[in-house]
Amino acid sequence: MLNSWNKLFAVALISLAPLANADELVTPIMQQGSSNASMETPRTGQTMSAVEKRYGSPSHVKGPVGDPPITIWEYGNYSVYFEGDRVIHTVLKPVKP
């Protein structure tokens, strides 16, 4: 009896999975520090070699870690996150008062 309930629960869970969704919270750049708002940073999809050619070598490299491999390049005012060899996100560092 318990085994059939487990199967029924698994089927119900699998059939409801496509209905799951998530919201994305976007923080406007102006709230991260107006002095950095106009700073040019790497864009999503750029390759590591293109970023290094345009912005120079990073001051520090973390990774790659995990699967898919995530690497973080640290620059003075921002960090660049890569998945494989492509930029997935650039994060401005907080402005210190």
N, C-alpha and C. Protein backbone atom coordinates (compact mmCIF):
# COMPACT_ATOMS: atom_id res chain seq x y z
N MET A 1 0.83 -1.20 0.00
CA MET A 1 0.00 0.00 0.00
C MET A 1 0.87 1.26 0.00
N LEU A 2 1.90 1.26 0.87
CA LEU A 2 2.78 2.42 0.96
C LEU A 2 3.53 2.64 -0.35
N ASN A 3 3.94 1.57 -1.00
CA ASN A 3 4.67 1.66 -2.26
C ASN A 3 3.80 2.31 -3.34
N SER A 4 2.51 1.98 -3.39
CA SER A 4 1.63 2.59 -4.40
C SER A 4 1.42 4.08 -4.11
N TRP A 5 1.39 4.47 -2.83
CA TRP A 5 1.28 5.90 -2.49
C TRP A 5 2.53 6.65 -2.93
N ASN A 6 3.70 6.03 -2.75
CA ASN A 6 4.95 6.65 -3.20
C ASN A 6 4.95 6.85 -4.70
N LYS A 7 4.48 5.86 -5.44
CA LYS A 7 4.41 5.98 -6.90
C LYS A 7 3.44 7.09 -7.30
N LEU A 8 2.28 7.13 -6.65
CA LEU A 8 1.29 8.16 -6.95
C LEU A 8 1.86 9.55 -6.66
N PHE A 9 2.55 9.69 -5.54
CA PHE A 9 3.17 10.97 -5.19
C PHE A 9 4.22 11.37 -6.21
N ALA A 10 5.04 10.42 -6.65
CA ALA A 10 6.08 10.71 -7.64
C ALA A 10 5.47 11.15 -8.96
N VAL A 11 4.41 10.48 -9.41
CA VAL A 11 3.74 10.86 -10.66
C VAL A 11 3.15 12.26 -10.53
N ALA A 12 2.52 12.56 -9.41
CA ALA A 12 1.93 13.88 -9.20
C ALA A 12 3.01 14.96 -9.19
N LEU A 13 4.11 14.69 -8.54
CA LEU A 13 5.21 15.66 -8.47
C LEU A 13 5.81 15.92 -9.84
N ILE A 14 6.02 14.86 -10.61
CA ILE A 14 6.59 15.01 -11.95
C ILE A 14 5.64 15.76 -12.87
N SER A 15 4.34 15.50 -12.75
CA SER A 15 3.39 16.17 -13.64
C SER A 15 3.21 17.65 -13.28
N LEU A 16 3.50 18.04 -12.05
CA LEU A 16 3.38 19.44 -11.65
C LEU A 16 4.66 20.23 -11.85
N ALA A 17 5.78 19.57 -12.08
CA ALA A 17 7.08 20.24 -12.22
C ALA A 17 7.10 21.33 -13.29
N PRO A 18 6.48 21.12 -14.47
CA PRO A 18 6.52 22.19 -15.49
C PRO A 18 5.83 23.48 -15.06
N LEU A 19 4.99 23.42 -14.05
CA LEU A 19 4.27 24.61 -13.60
C LEU A 19 5.11 25.49 -12.67
N ALA A 20 6.24 24.98 -12.21
CA ALA A 20 7.10 25.75 -11.30
C ALA A 20 7.76 26.89 -12.06
N ASN A 21 7.91 28.02 -11.41
CA ASN A 21 8.61 29.16 -12.03
C ASN A 21 9.27 29.98 -10.94
N ALA A 22 10.07 30.95 -11.37
CA ALA A 22 10.79 31.80 -10.42
C ALA A 22 10.78 33.24 -10.92
N ASP A 23 10.88 34.16 -10.00
CA ASP A 23 10.98 35.58 -10.35
C ASP A 23 12.44 36.00 -10.29
N GLU A 24 12.78 36.97 -11.12
CA GLU A 24 14.14 37.51 -11.14
C GLU A 24 14.10 38.90 -10.53
N LEU A 25 14.94 39.11 -9.53
CA LEU A 25 15.03 40.41 -8.88
C LEU A 25 16.14 41.21 -9.54
N VAL A 26 15.79 42.35 -10.09
CA VAL A 26 16.76 43.19 -10.78
C VAL A 26 16.95 44.46 -9.97
N THR A 27 18.20 44.74 -9.58
CA THR A 27 18.52 45.97 -8.87
C THR A 27 19.07 46.97 -9.87
N PRO A 28 18.39 48.09 -10.03
CA PRO A 28 18.87 49.09 -10.99
C PRO A 28 20.29 49.53 -10.66
N ILE A 29 21.07 49.77 -11.70
CA ILE A 29 22.47 50.15 -11.53
C ILE A 29 22.59 51.42 -10.70
N MET A 30 21.61 52.32 -10.78
CA MET A 30 21.72 53.57 -10.04
C MET A 30 21.72 53.33 -8.53
N GLN A 31 21.18 52.20 -8.08
CA GLN A 31 21.17 51.90 -6.66
C GLN A 31 22.48 51.26 -6.20
N GLN A 32 23.36 50.93 -7.14
CA GLN A 32 24.63 50.32 -6.79
C GLN A 32 25.74 51.35 -6.63
N GLY A 33 25.46 52.57 -6.91
CA GLY A 33 26.46 53.62 -6.78
C GLY A 33 26.53 54.45 -8.04
N SER A 34 26.11 55.68 -7.94
CA SER A 34 26.02 56.53 -9.12
C SER A 34 27.37 56.80 -9.76
N SER A 35 28.45 56.75 -8.97
CA SER A 35 29.76 57.04 -9.55
C SER A 35 30.21 55.93 -10.50
N ASN A 36 29.68 54.72 -10.34
CA ASN A 36 30.04 53.61 -11.23
C ASN A 36 28.99 53.35 -12.31
N ALA A 37 27.89 54.08 -12.29
CA ALA A 37 26.78 53.80 -13.20
C ALA A 37 27.17 53.91 -14.66
N SER A 38 28.07 54.80 -15.00
CA SER A 38 28.44 54.98 -16.40
C SER A 38 29.69 54.19 -16.79
N MET A 39 30.22 53.40 -15.87
CA MET A 39 31.43 52.62 -16.13
C MET A 39 31.14 51.55 -17.19
N GLU A 40 32.04 51.42 -18.15
CA GLU A 40 31.91 50.37 -19.16
C GLU A 40 32.44 49.07 -18.58
N THR A 41 31.65 48.02 -18.65
CA THR A 41 32.02 46.72 -18.12
C THR A 41 31.77 45.64 -19.18
N PRO A 42 32.36 44.46 -19.01
CA PRO A 42 32.12 43.37 -19.96
C PRO A 42 30.64 43.02 -20.03
N ARG A 43 30.20 42.61 -21.20
CA ARG A 43 28.80 42.28 -21.45
C ARG A 43 28.60 40.77 -21.55
N THR A 44 27.41 40.34 -21.26
CA THR A 44 27.04 38.93 -21.35
C THR A 44 27.37 38.37 -22.73
N GLY A 45 28.01 37.21 -22.74
CA GLY A 45 28.33 36.54 -23.99
C GLY A 45 29.74 36.76 -24.50
N GLN A 46 30.44 37.78 -23.98
CA GLN A 46 31.81 38.00 -24.42
C GLN A 46 32.70 36.84 -23.96
N THR A 47 33.74 36.55 -24.74
CA THR A 47 34.67 35.49 -24.37
C THR A 47 35.72 36.02 -23.39
N MET A 48 36.39 35.10 -22.72
CA MET A 48 37.47 35.48 -21.81
C MET A 48 38.56 36.24 -22.55
N SER A 49 38.91 35.77 -23.73
CA SER A 49 39.98 36.43 -24.48
C SER A 49 39.57 37.84 -24.90
N ALA A 50 38.30 38.05 -25.26
CA ALA A 50 37.84 39.38 -25.64
C ALA A 50 37.84 40.32 -24.43
N VAL A 51 37.45 39.80 -23.26
CA VAL A 51 37.45 40.62 -22.04
C VAL A 51 38.88 41.00 -21.67
N GLU A 52 39.79 40.03 -21.72
CA GLU A 52 41.18 40.32 -21.36
C GLU A 52 41.81 41.31 -22.35
N LYS A 53 41.48 41.17 -23.61
CA LYS A 53 42.02 42.08 -24.62
C LYS A 53 41.54 43.51 -24.40
N ARG A 54 40.24 43.66 -24.06
CA ARG A 54 39.66 45.00 -23.91
C ARG A 54 39.92 45.63 -22.54
N TYR A 55 39.86 44.81 -21.47
CA TYR A 55 39.93 45.35 -20.10
C TYR A 55 41.23 45.02 -19.38
N GLY A 56 42.09 44.23 -20.00
CA GLY A 56 43.35 43.86 -19.37
C GLY A 56 43.22 42.63 -18.50
N SER A 57 44.34 42.22 -17.94
CA SER A 57 44.35 41.04 -17.07
C SER A 57 43.66 41.37 -15.75
N PRO A 58 42.92 40.42 -15.19
CA PRO A 58 42.27 40.66 -13.90
C PRO A 58 43.29 40.72 -12.77
N SER A 59 42.94 41.41 -11.69
CA SER A 59 43.84 41.49 -10.55
C SER A 59 43.85 40.18 -9.76
N HIS A 60 42.76 39.41 -9.86
CA HIS A 60 42.66 38.13 -9.15
C HIS A 60 41.69 37.23 -9.91
N VAL A 61 41.98 35.93 -9.93
CA VAL A 61 41.11 34.94 -10.58
C VAL A 61 40.71 33.89 -9.56
N LYS A 62 39.40 33.59 -9.49
CA LYS A 62 38.88 32.52 -8.63
C LYS A 62 38.28 31.45 -9.52
N GLY A 63 38.68 30.21 -9.32
CA GLY A 63 38.08 29.11 -10.07
C GLY A 63 38.94 28.66 -11.23
N PRO A 64 38.42 27.85 -12.09
CA PRO A 64 37.01 27.46 -12.24
C PRO A 64 36.58 26.45 -11.18
N VAL A 65 35.30 26.52 -10.83
CA VAL A 65 34.72 25.65 -9.82
C VAL A 65 33.40 25.10 -10.35
N GLY A 66 33.14 23.82 -10.12
CA GLY A 66 31.84 23.22 -10.41
C GLY A 66 31.68 22.74 -11.84
N ASP A 67 30.45 22.31 -12.12
CA ASP A 67 30.09 21.83 -13.44
C ASP A 67 28.71 22.37 -13.78
N PRO A 68 28.56 23.30 -14.66
CA PRO A 68 29.56 23.86 -15.55
C PRO A 68 30.57 24.70 -14.77
N PRO A 69 31.78 24.84 -15.31
CA PRO A 69 32.82 25.58 -14.60
C PRO A 69 32.51 27.08 -14.52
N ILE A 70 32.53 27.61 -13.30
CA ILE A 70 32.31 29.04 -13.07
C ILE A 70 33.64 29.65 -12.62
N THR A 71 34.04 30.72 -13.30
CA THR A 71 35.28 31.43 -12.98
C THR A 71 34.93 32.88 -12.71
N ILE A 72 35.60 33.48 -11.72
CA ILE A 72 35.39 34.89 -11.40
C ILE A 72 36.69 35.64 -11.61
N TRP A 73 36.62 36.70 -12.39
CA TRP A 73 37.76 37.59 -12.58
C TRP A 73 37.47 38.87 -11.81
N GLU A 74 38.39 39.24 -10.94
CA GLU A 74 38.25 40.45 -10.14
C GLU A 74 39.00 41.61 -10.80
N TYR A 75 38.31 42.71 -10.96
CA TYR A 75 38.91 43.96 -11.42
C TYR A 75 38.71 44.98 -10.30
N GLY A 76 39.23 46.17 -10.45
CA GLY A 76 39.16 47.19 -9.41
C GLY A 76 37.77 47.48 -8.89
N ASN A 77 36.83 47.79 -9.78
CA ASN A 77 35.49 48.21 -9.36
C ASN A 77 34.40 47.20 -9.66
N TYR A 78 34.74 46.06 -10.23
CA TYR A 78 33.73 45.08 -10.59
C TYR A 78 34.33 43.68 -10.67
N SER A 79 33.44 42.69 -10.67
CA SER A 79 33.83 41.29 -10.85
C SER A 79 33.09 40.75 -12.06
N VAL A 80 33.76 39.89 -12.82
CA VAL A 80 33.16 39.30 -14.02
C VAL A 80 33.03 37.80 -13.80
N TYR A 81 31.81 37.28 -13.97
CA TYR A 81 31.53 35.87 -13.79
C TYR A 81 31.44 35.19 -15.16
N PHE A 82 32.17 34.09 -15.31
CA PHE A 82 32.18 33.33 -16.56
C PHE A 82 31.61 31.94 -16.33
N GLU A 83 30.88 31.44 -17.30
CA GLU A 83 30.50 30.03 -17.36
C GLU A 83 31.25 29.48 -18.55
N GLY A 84 32.17 28.57 -18.30
CA GLY A 84 33.07 28.15 -19.38
C GLY A 84 33.96 29.32 -19.73
N ASP A 85 33.92 29.75 -20.99
CA ASP A 85 34.73 30.91 -21.39
C ASP A 85 33.88 32.11 -21.77
N ARG A 86 32.59 32.14 -21.36
CA ARG A 86 31.68 33.23 -21.71
C ARG A 86 31.20 33.99 -20.48
N VAL A 87 31.10 35.31 -20.61
CA VAL A 87 30.59 36.15 -19.52
C VAL A 87 29.12 35.83 -19.30
N ILE A 88 28.75 35.59 -18.04
CA ILE A 88 27.34 35.42 -17.70
C ILE A 88 26.82 36.58 -16.86
N HIS A 89 27.75 37.32 -16.20
CA HIS A 89 27.30 38.43 -15.35
C HIS A 89 28.49 39.30 -14.95
N THR A 90 28.25 40.58 -14.82
CA THR A 90 29.25 41.51 -14.29
C THR A 90 28.62 42.22 -13.09
N VAL A 91 29.33 42.24 -11.97
CA VAL A 91 28.80 42.82 -10.74
C VAL A 91 29.69 43.96 -10.29
N LEU A 92 29.08 45.14 -10.11
CA LEU A 92 29.83 46.29 -9.59
C LEU A 92 30.06 46.11 -8.10
N LYS A 93 31.23 46.48 -7.64
CA LYS A 93 31.53 46.43 -6.21
C LYS A 93 30.95 47.68 -5.55
N PRO A 94 30.53 47.57 -4.29
CA PRO A 94 29.96 48.73 -3.61
C PRO A 94 30.97 49.87 -3.51
N VAL A 95 30.46 51.07 -3.61
CA VAL A 95 31.30 52.25 -3.46
C VAL A 95 31.50 52.49 -1.97
N LYS A 96 32.75 52.58 -1.54
CA LYS A 96 33.05 52.81 -0.13
C LYS A 96 32.97 54.31 0.16
N PRO A 97 32.24 54.67 1.22
CA PRO A 97 32.08 56.10 1.55
C PRO A 97 33.37 56.76 1.99
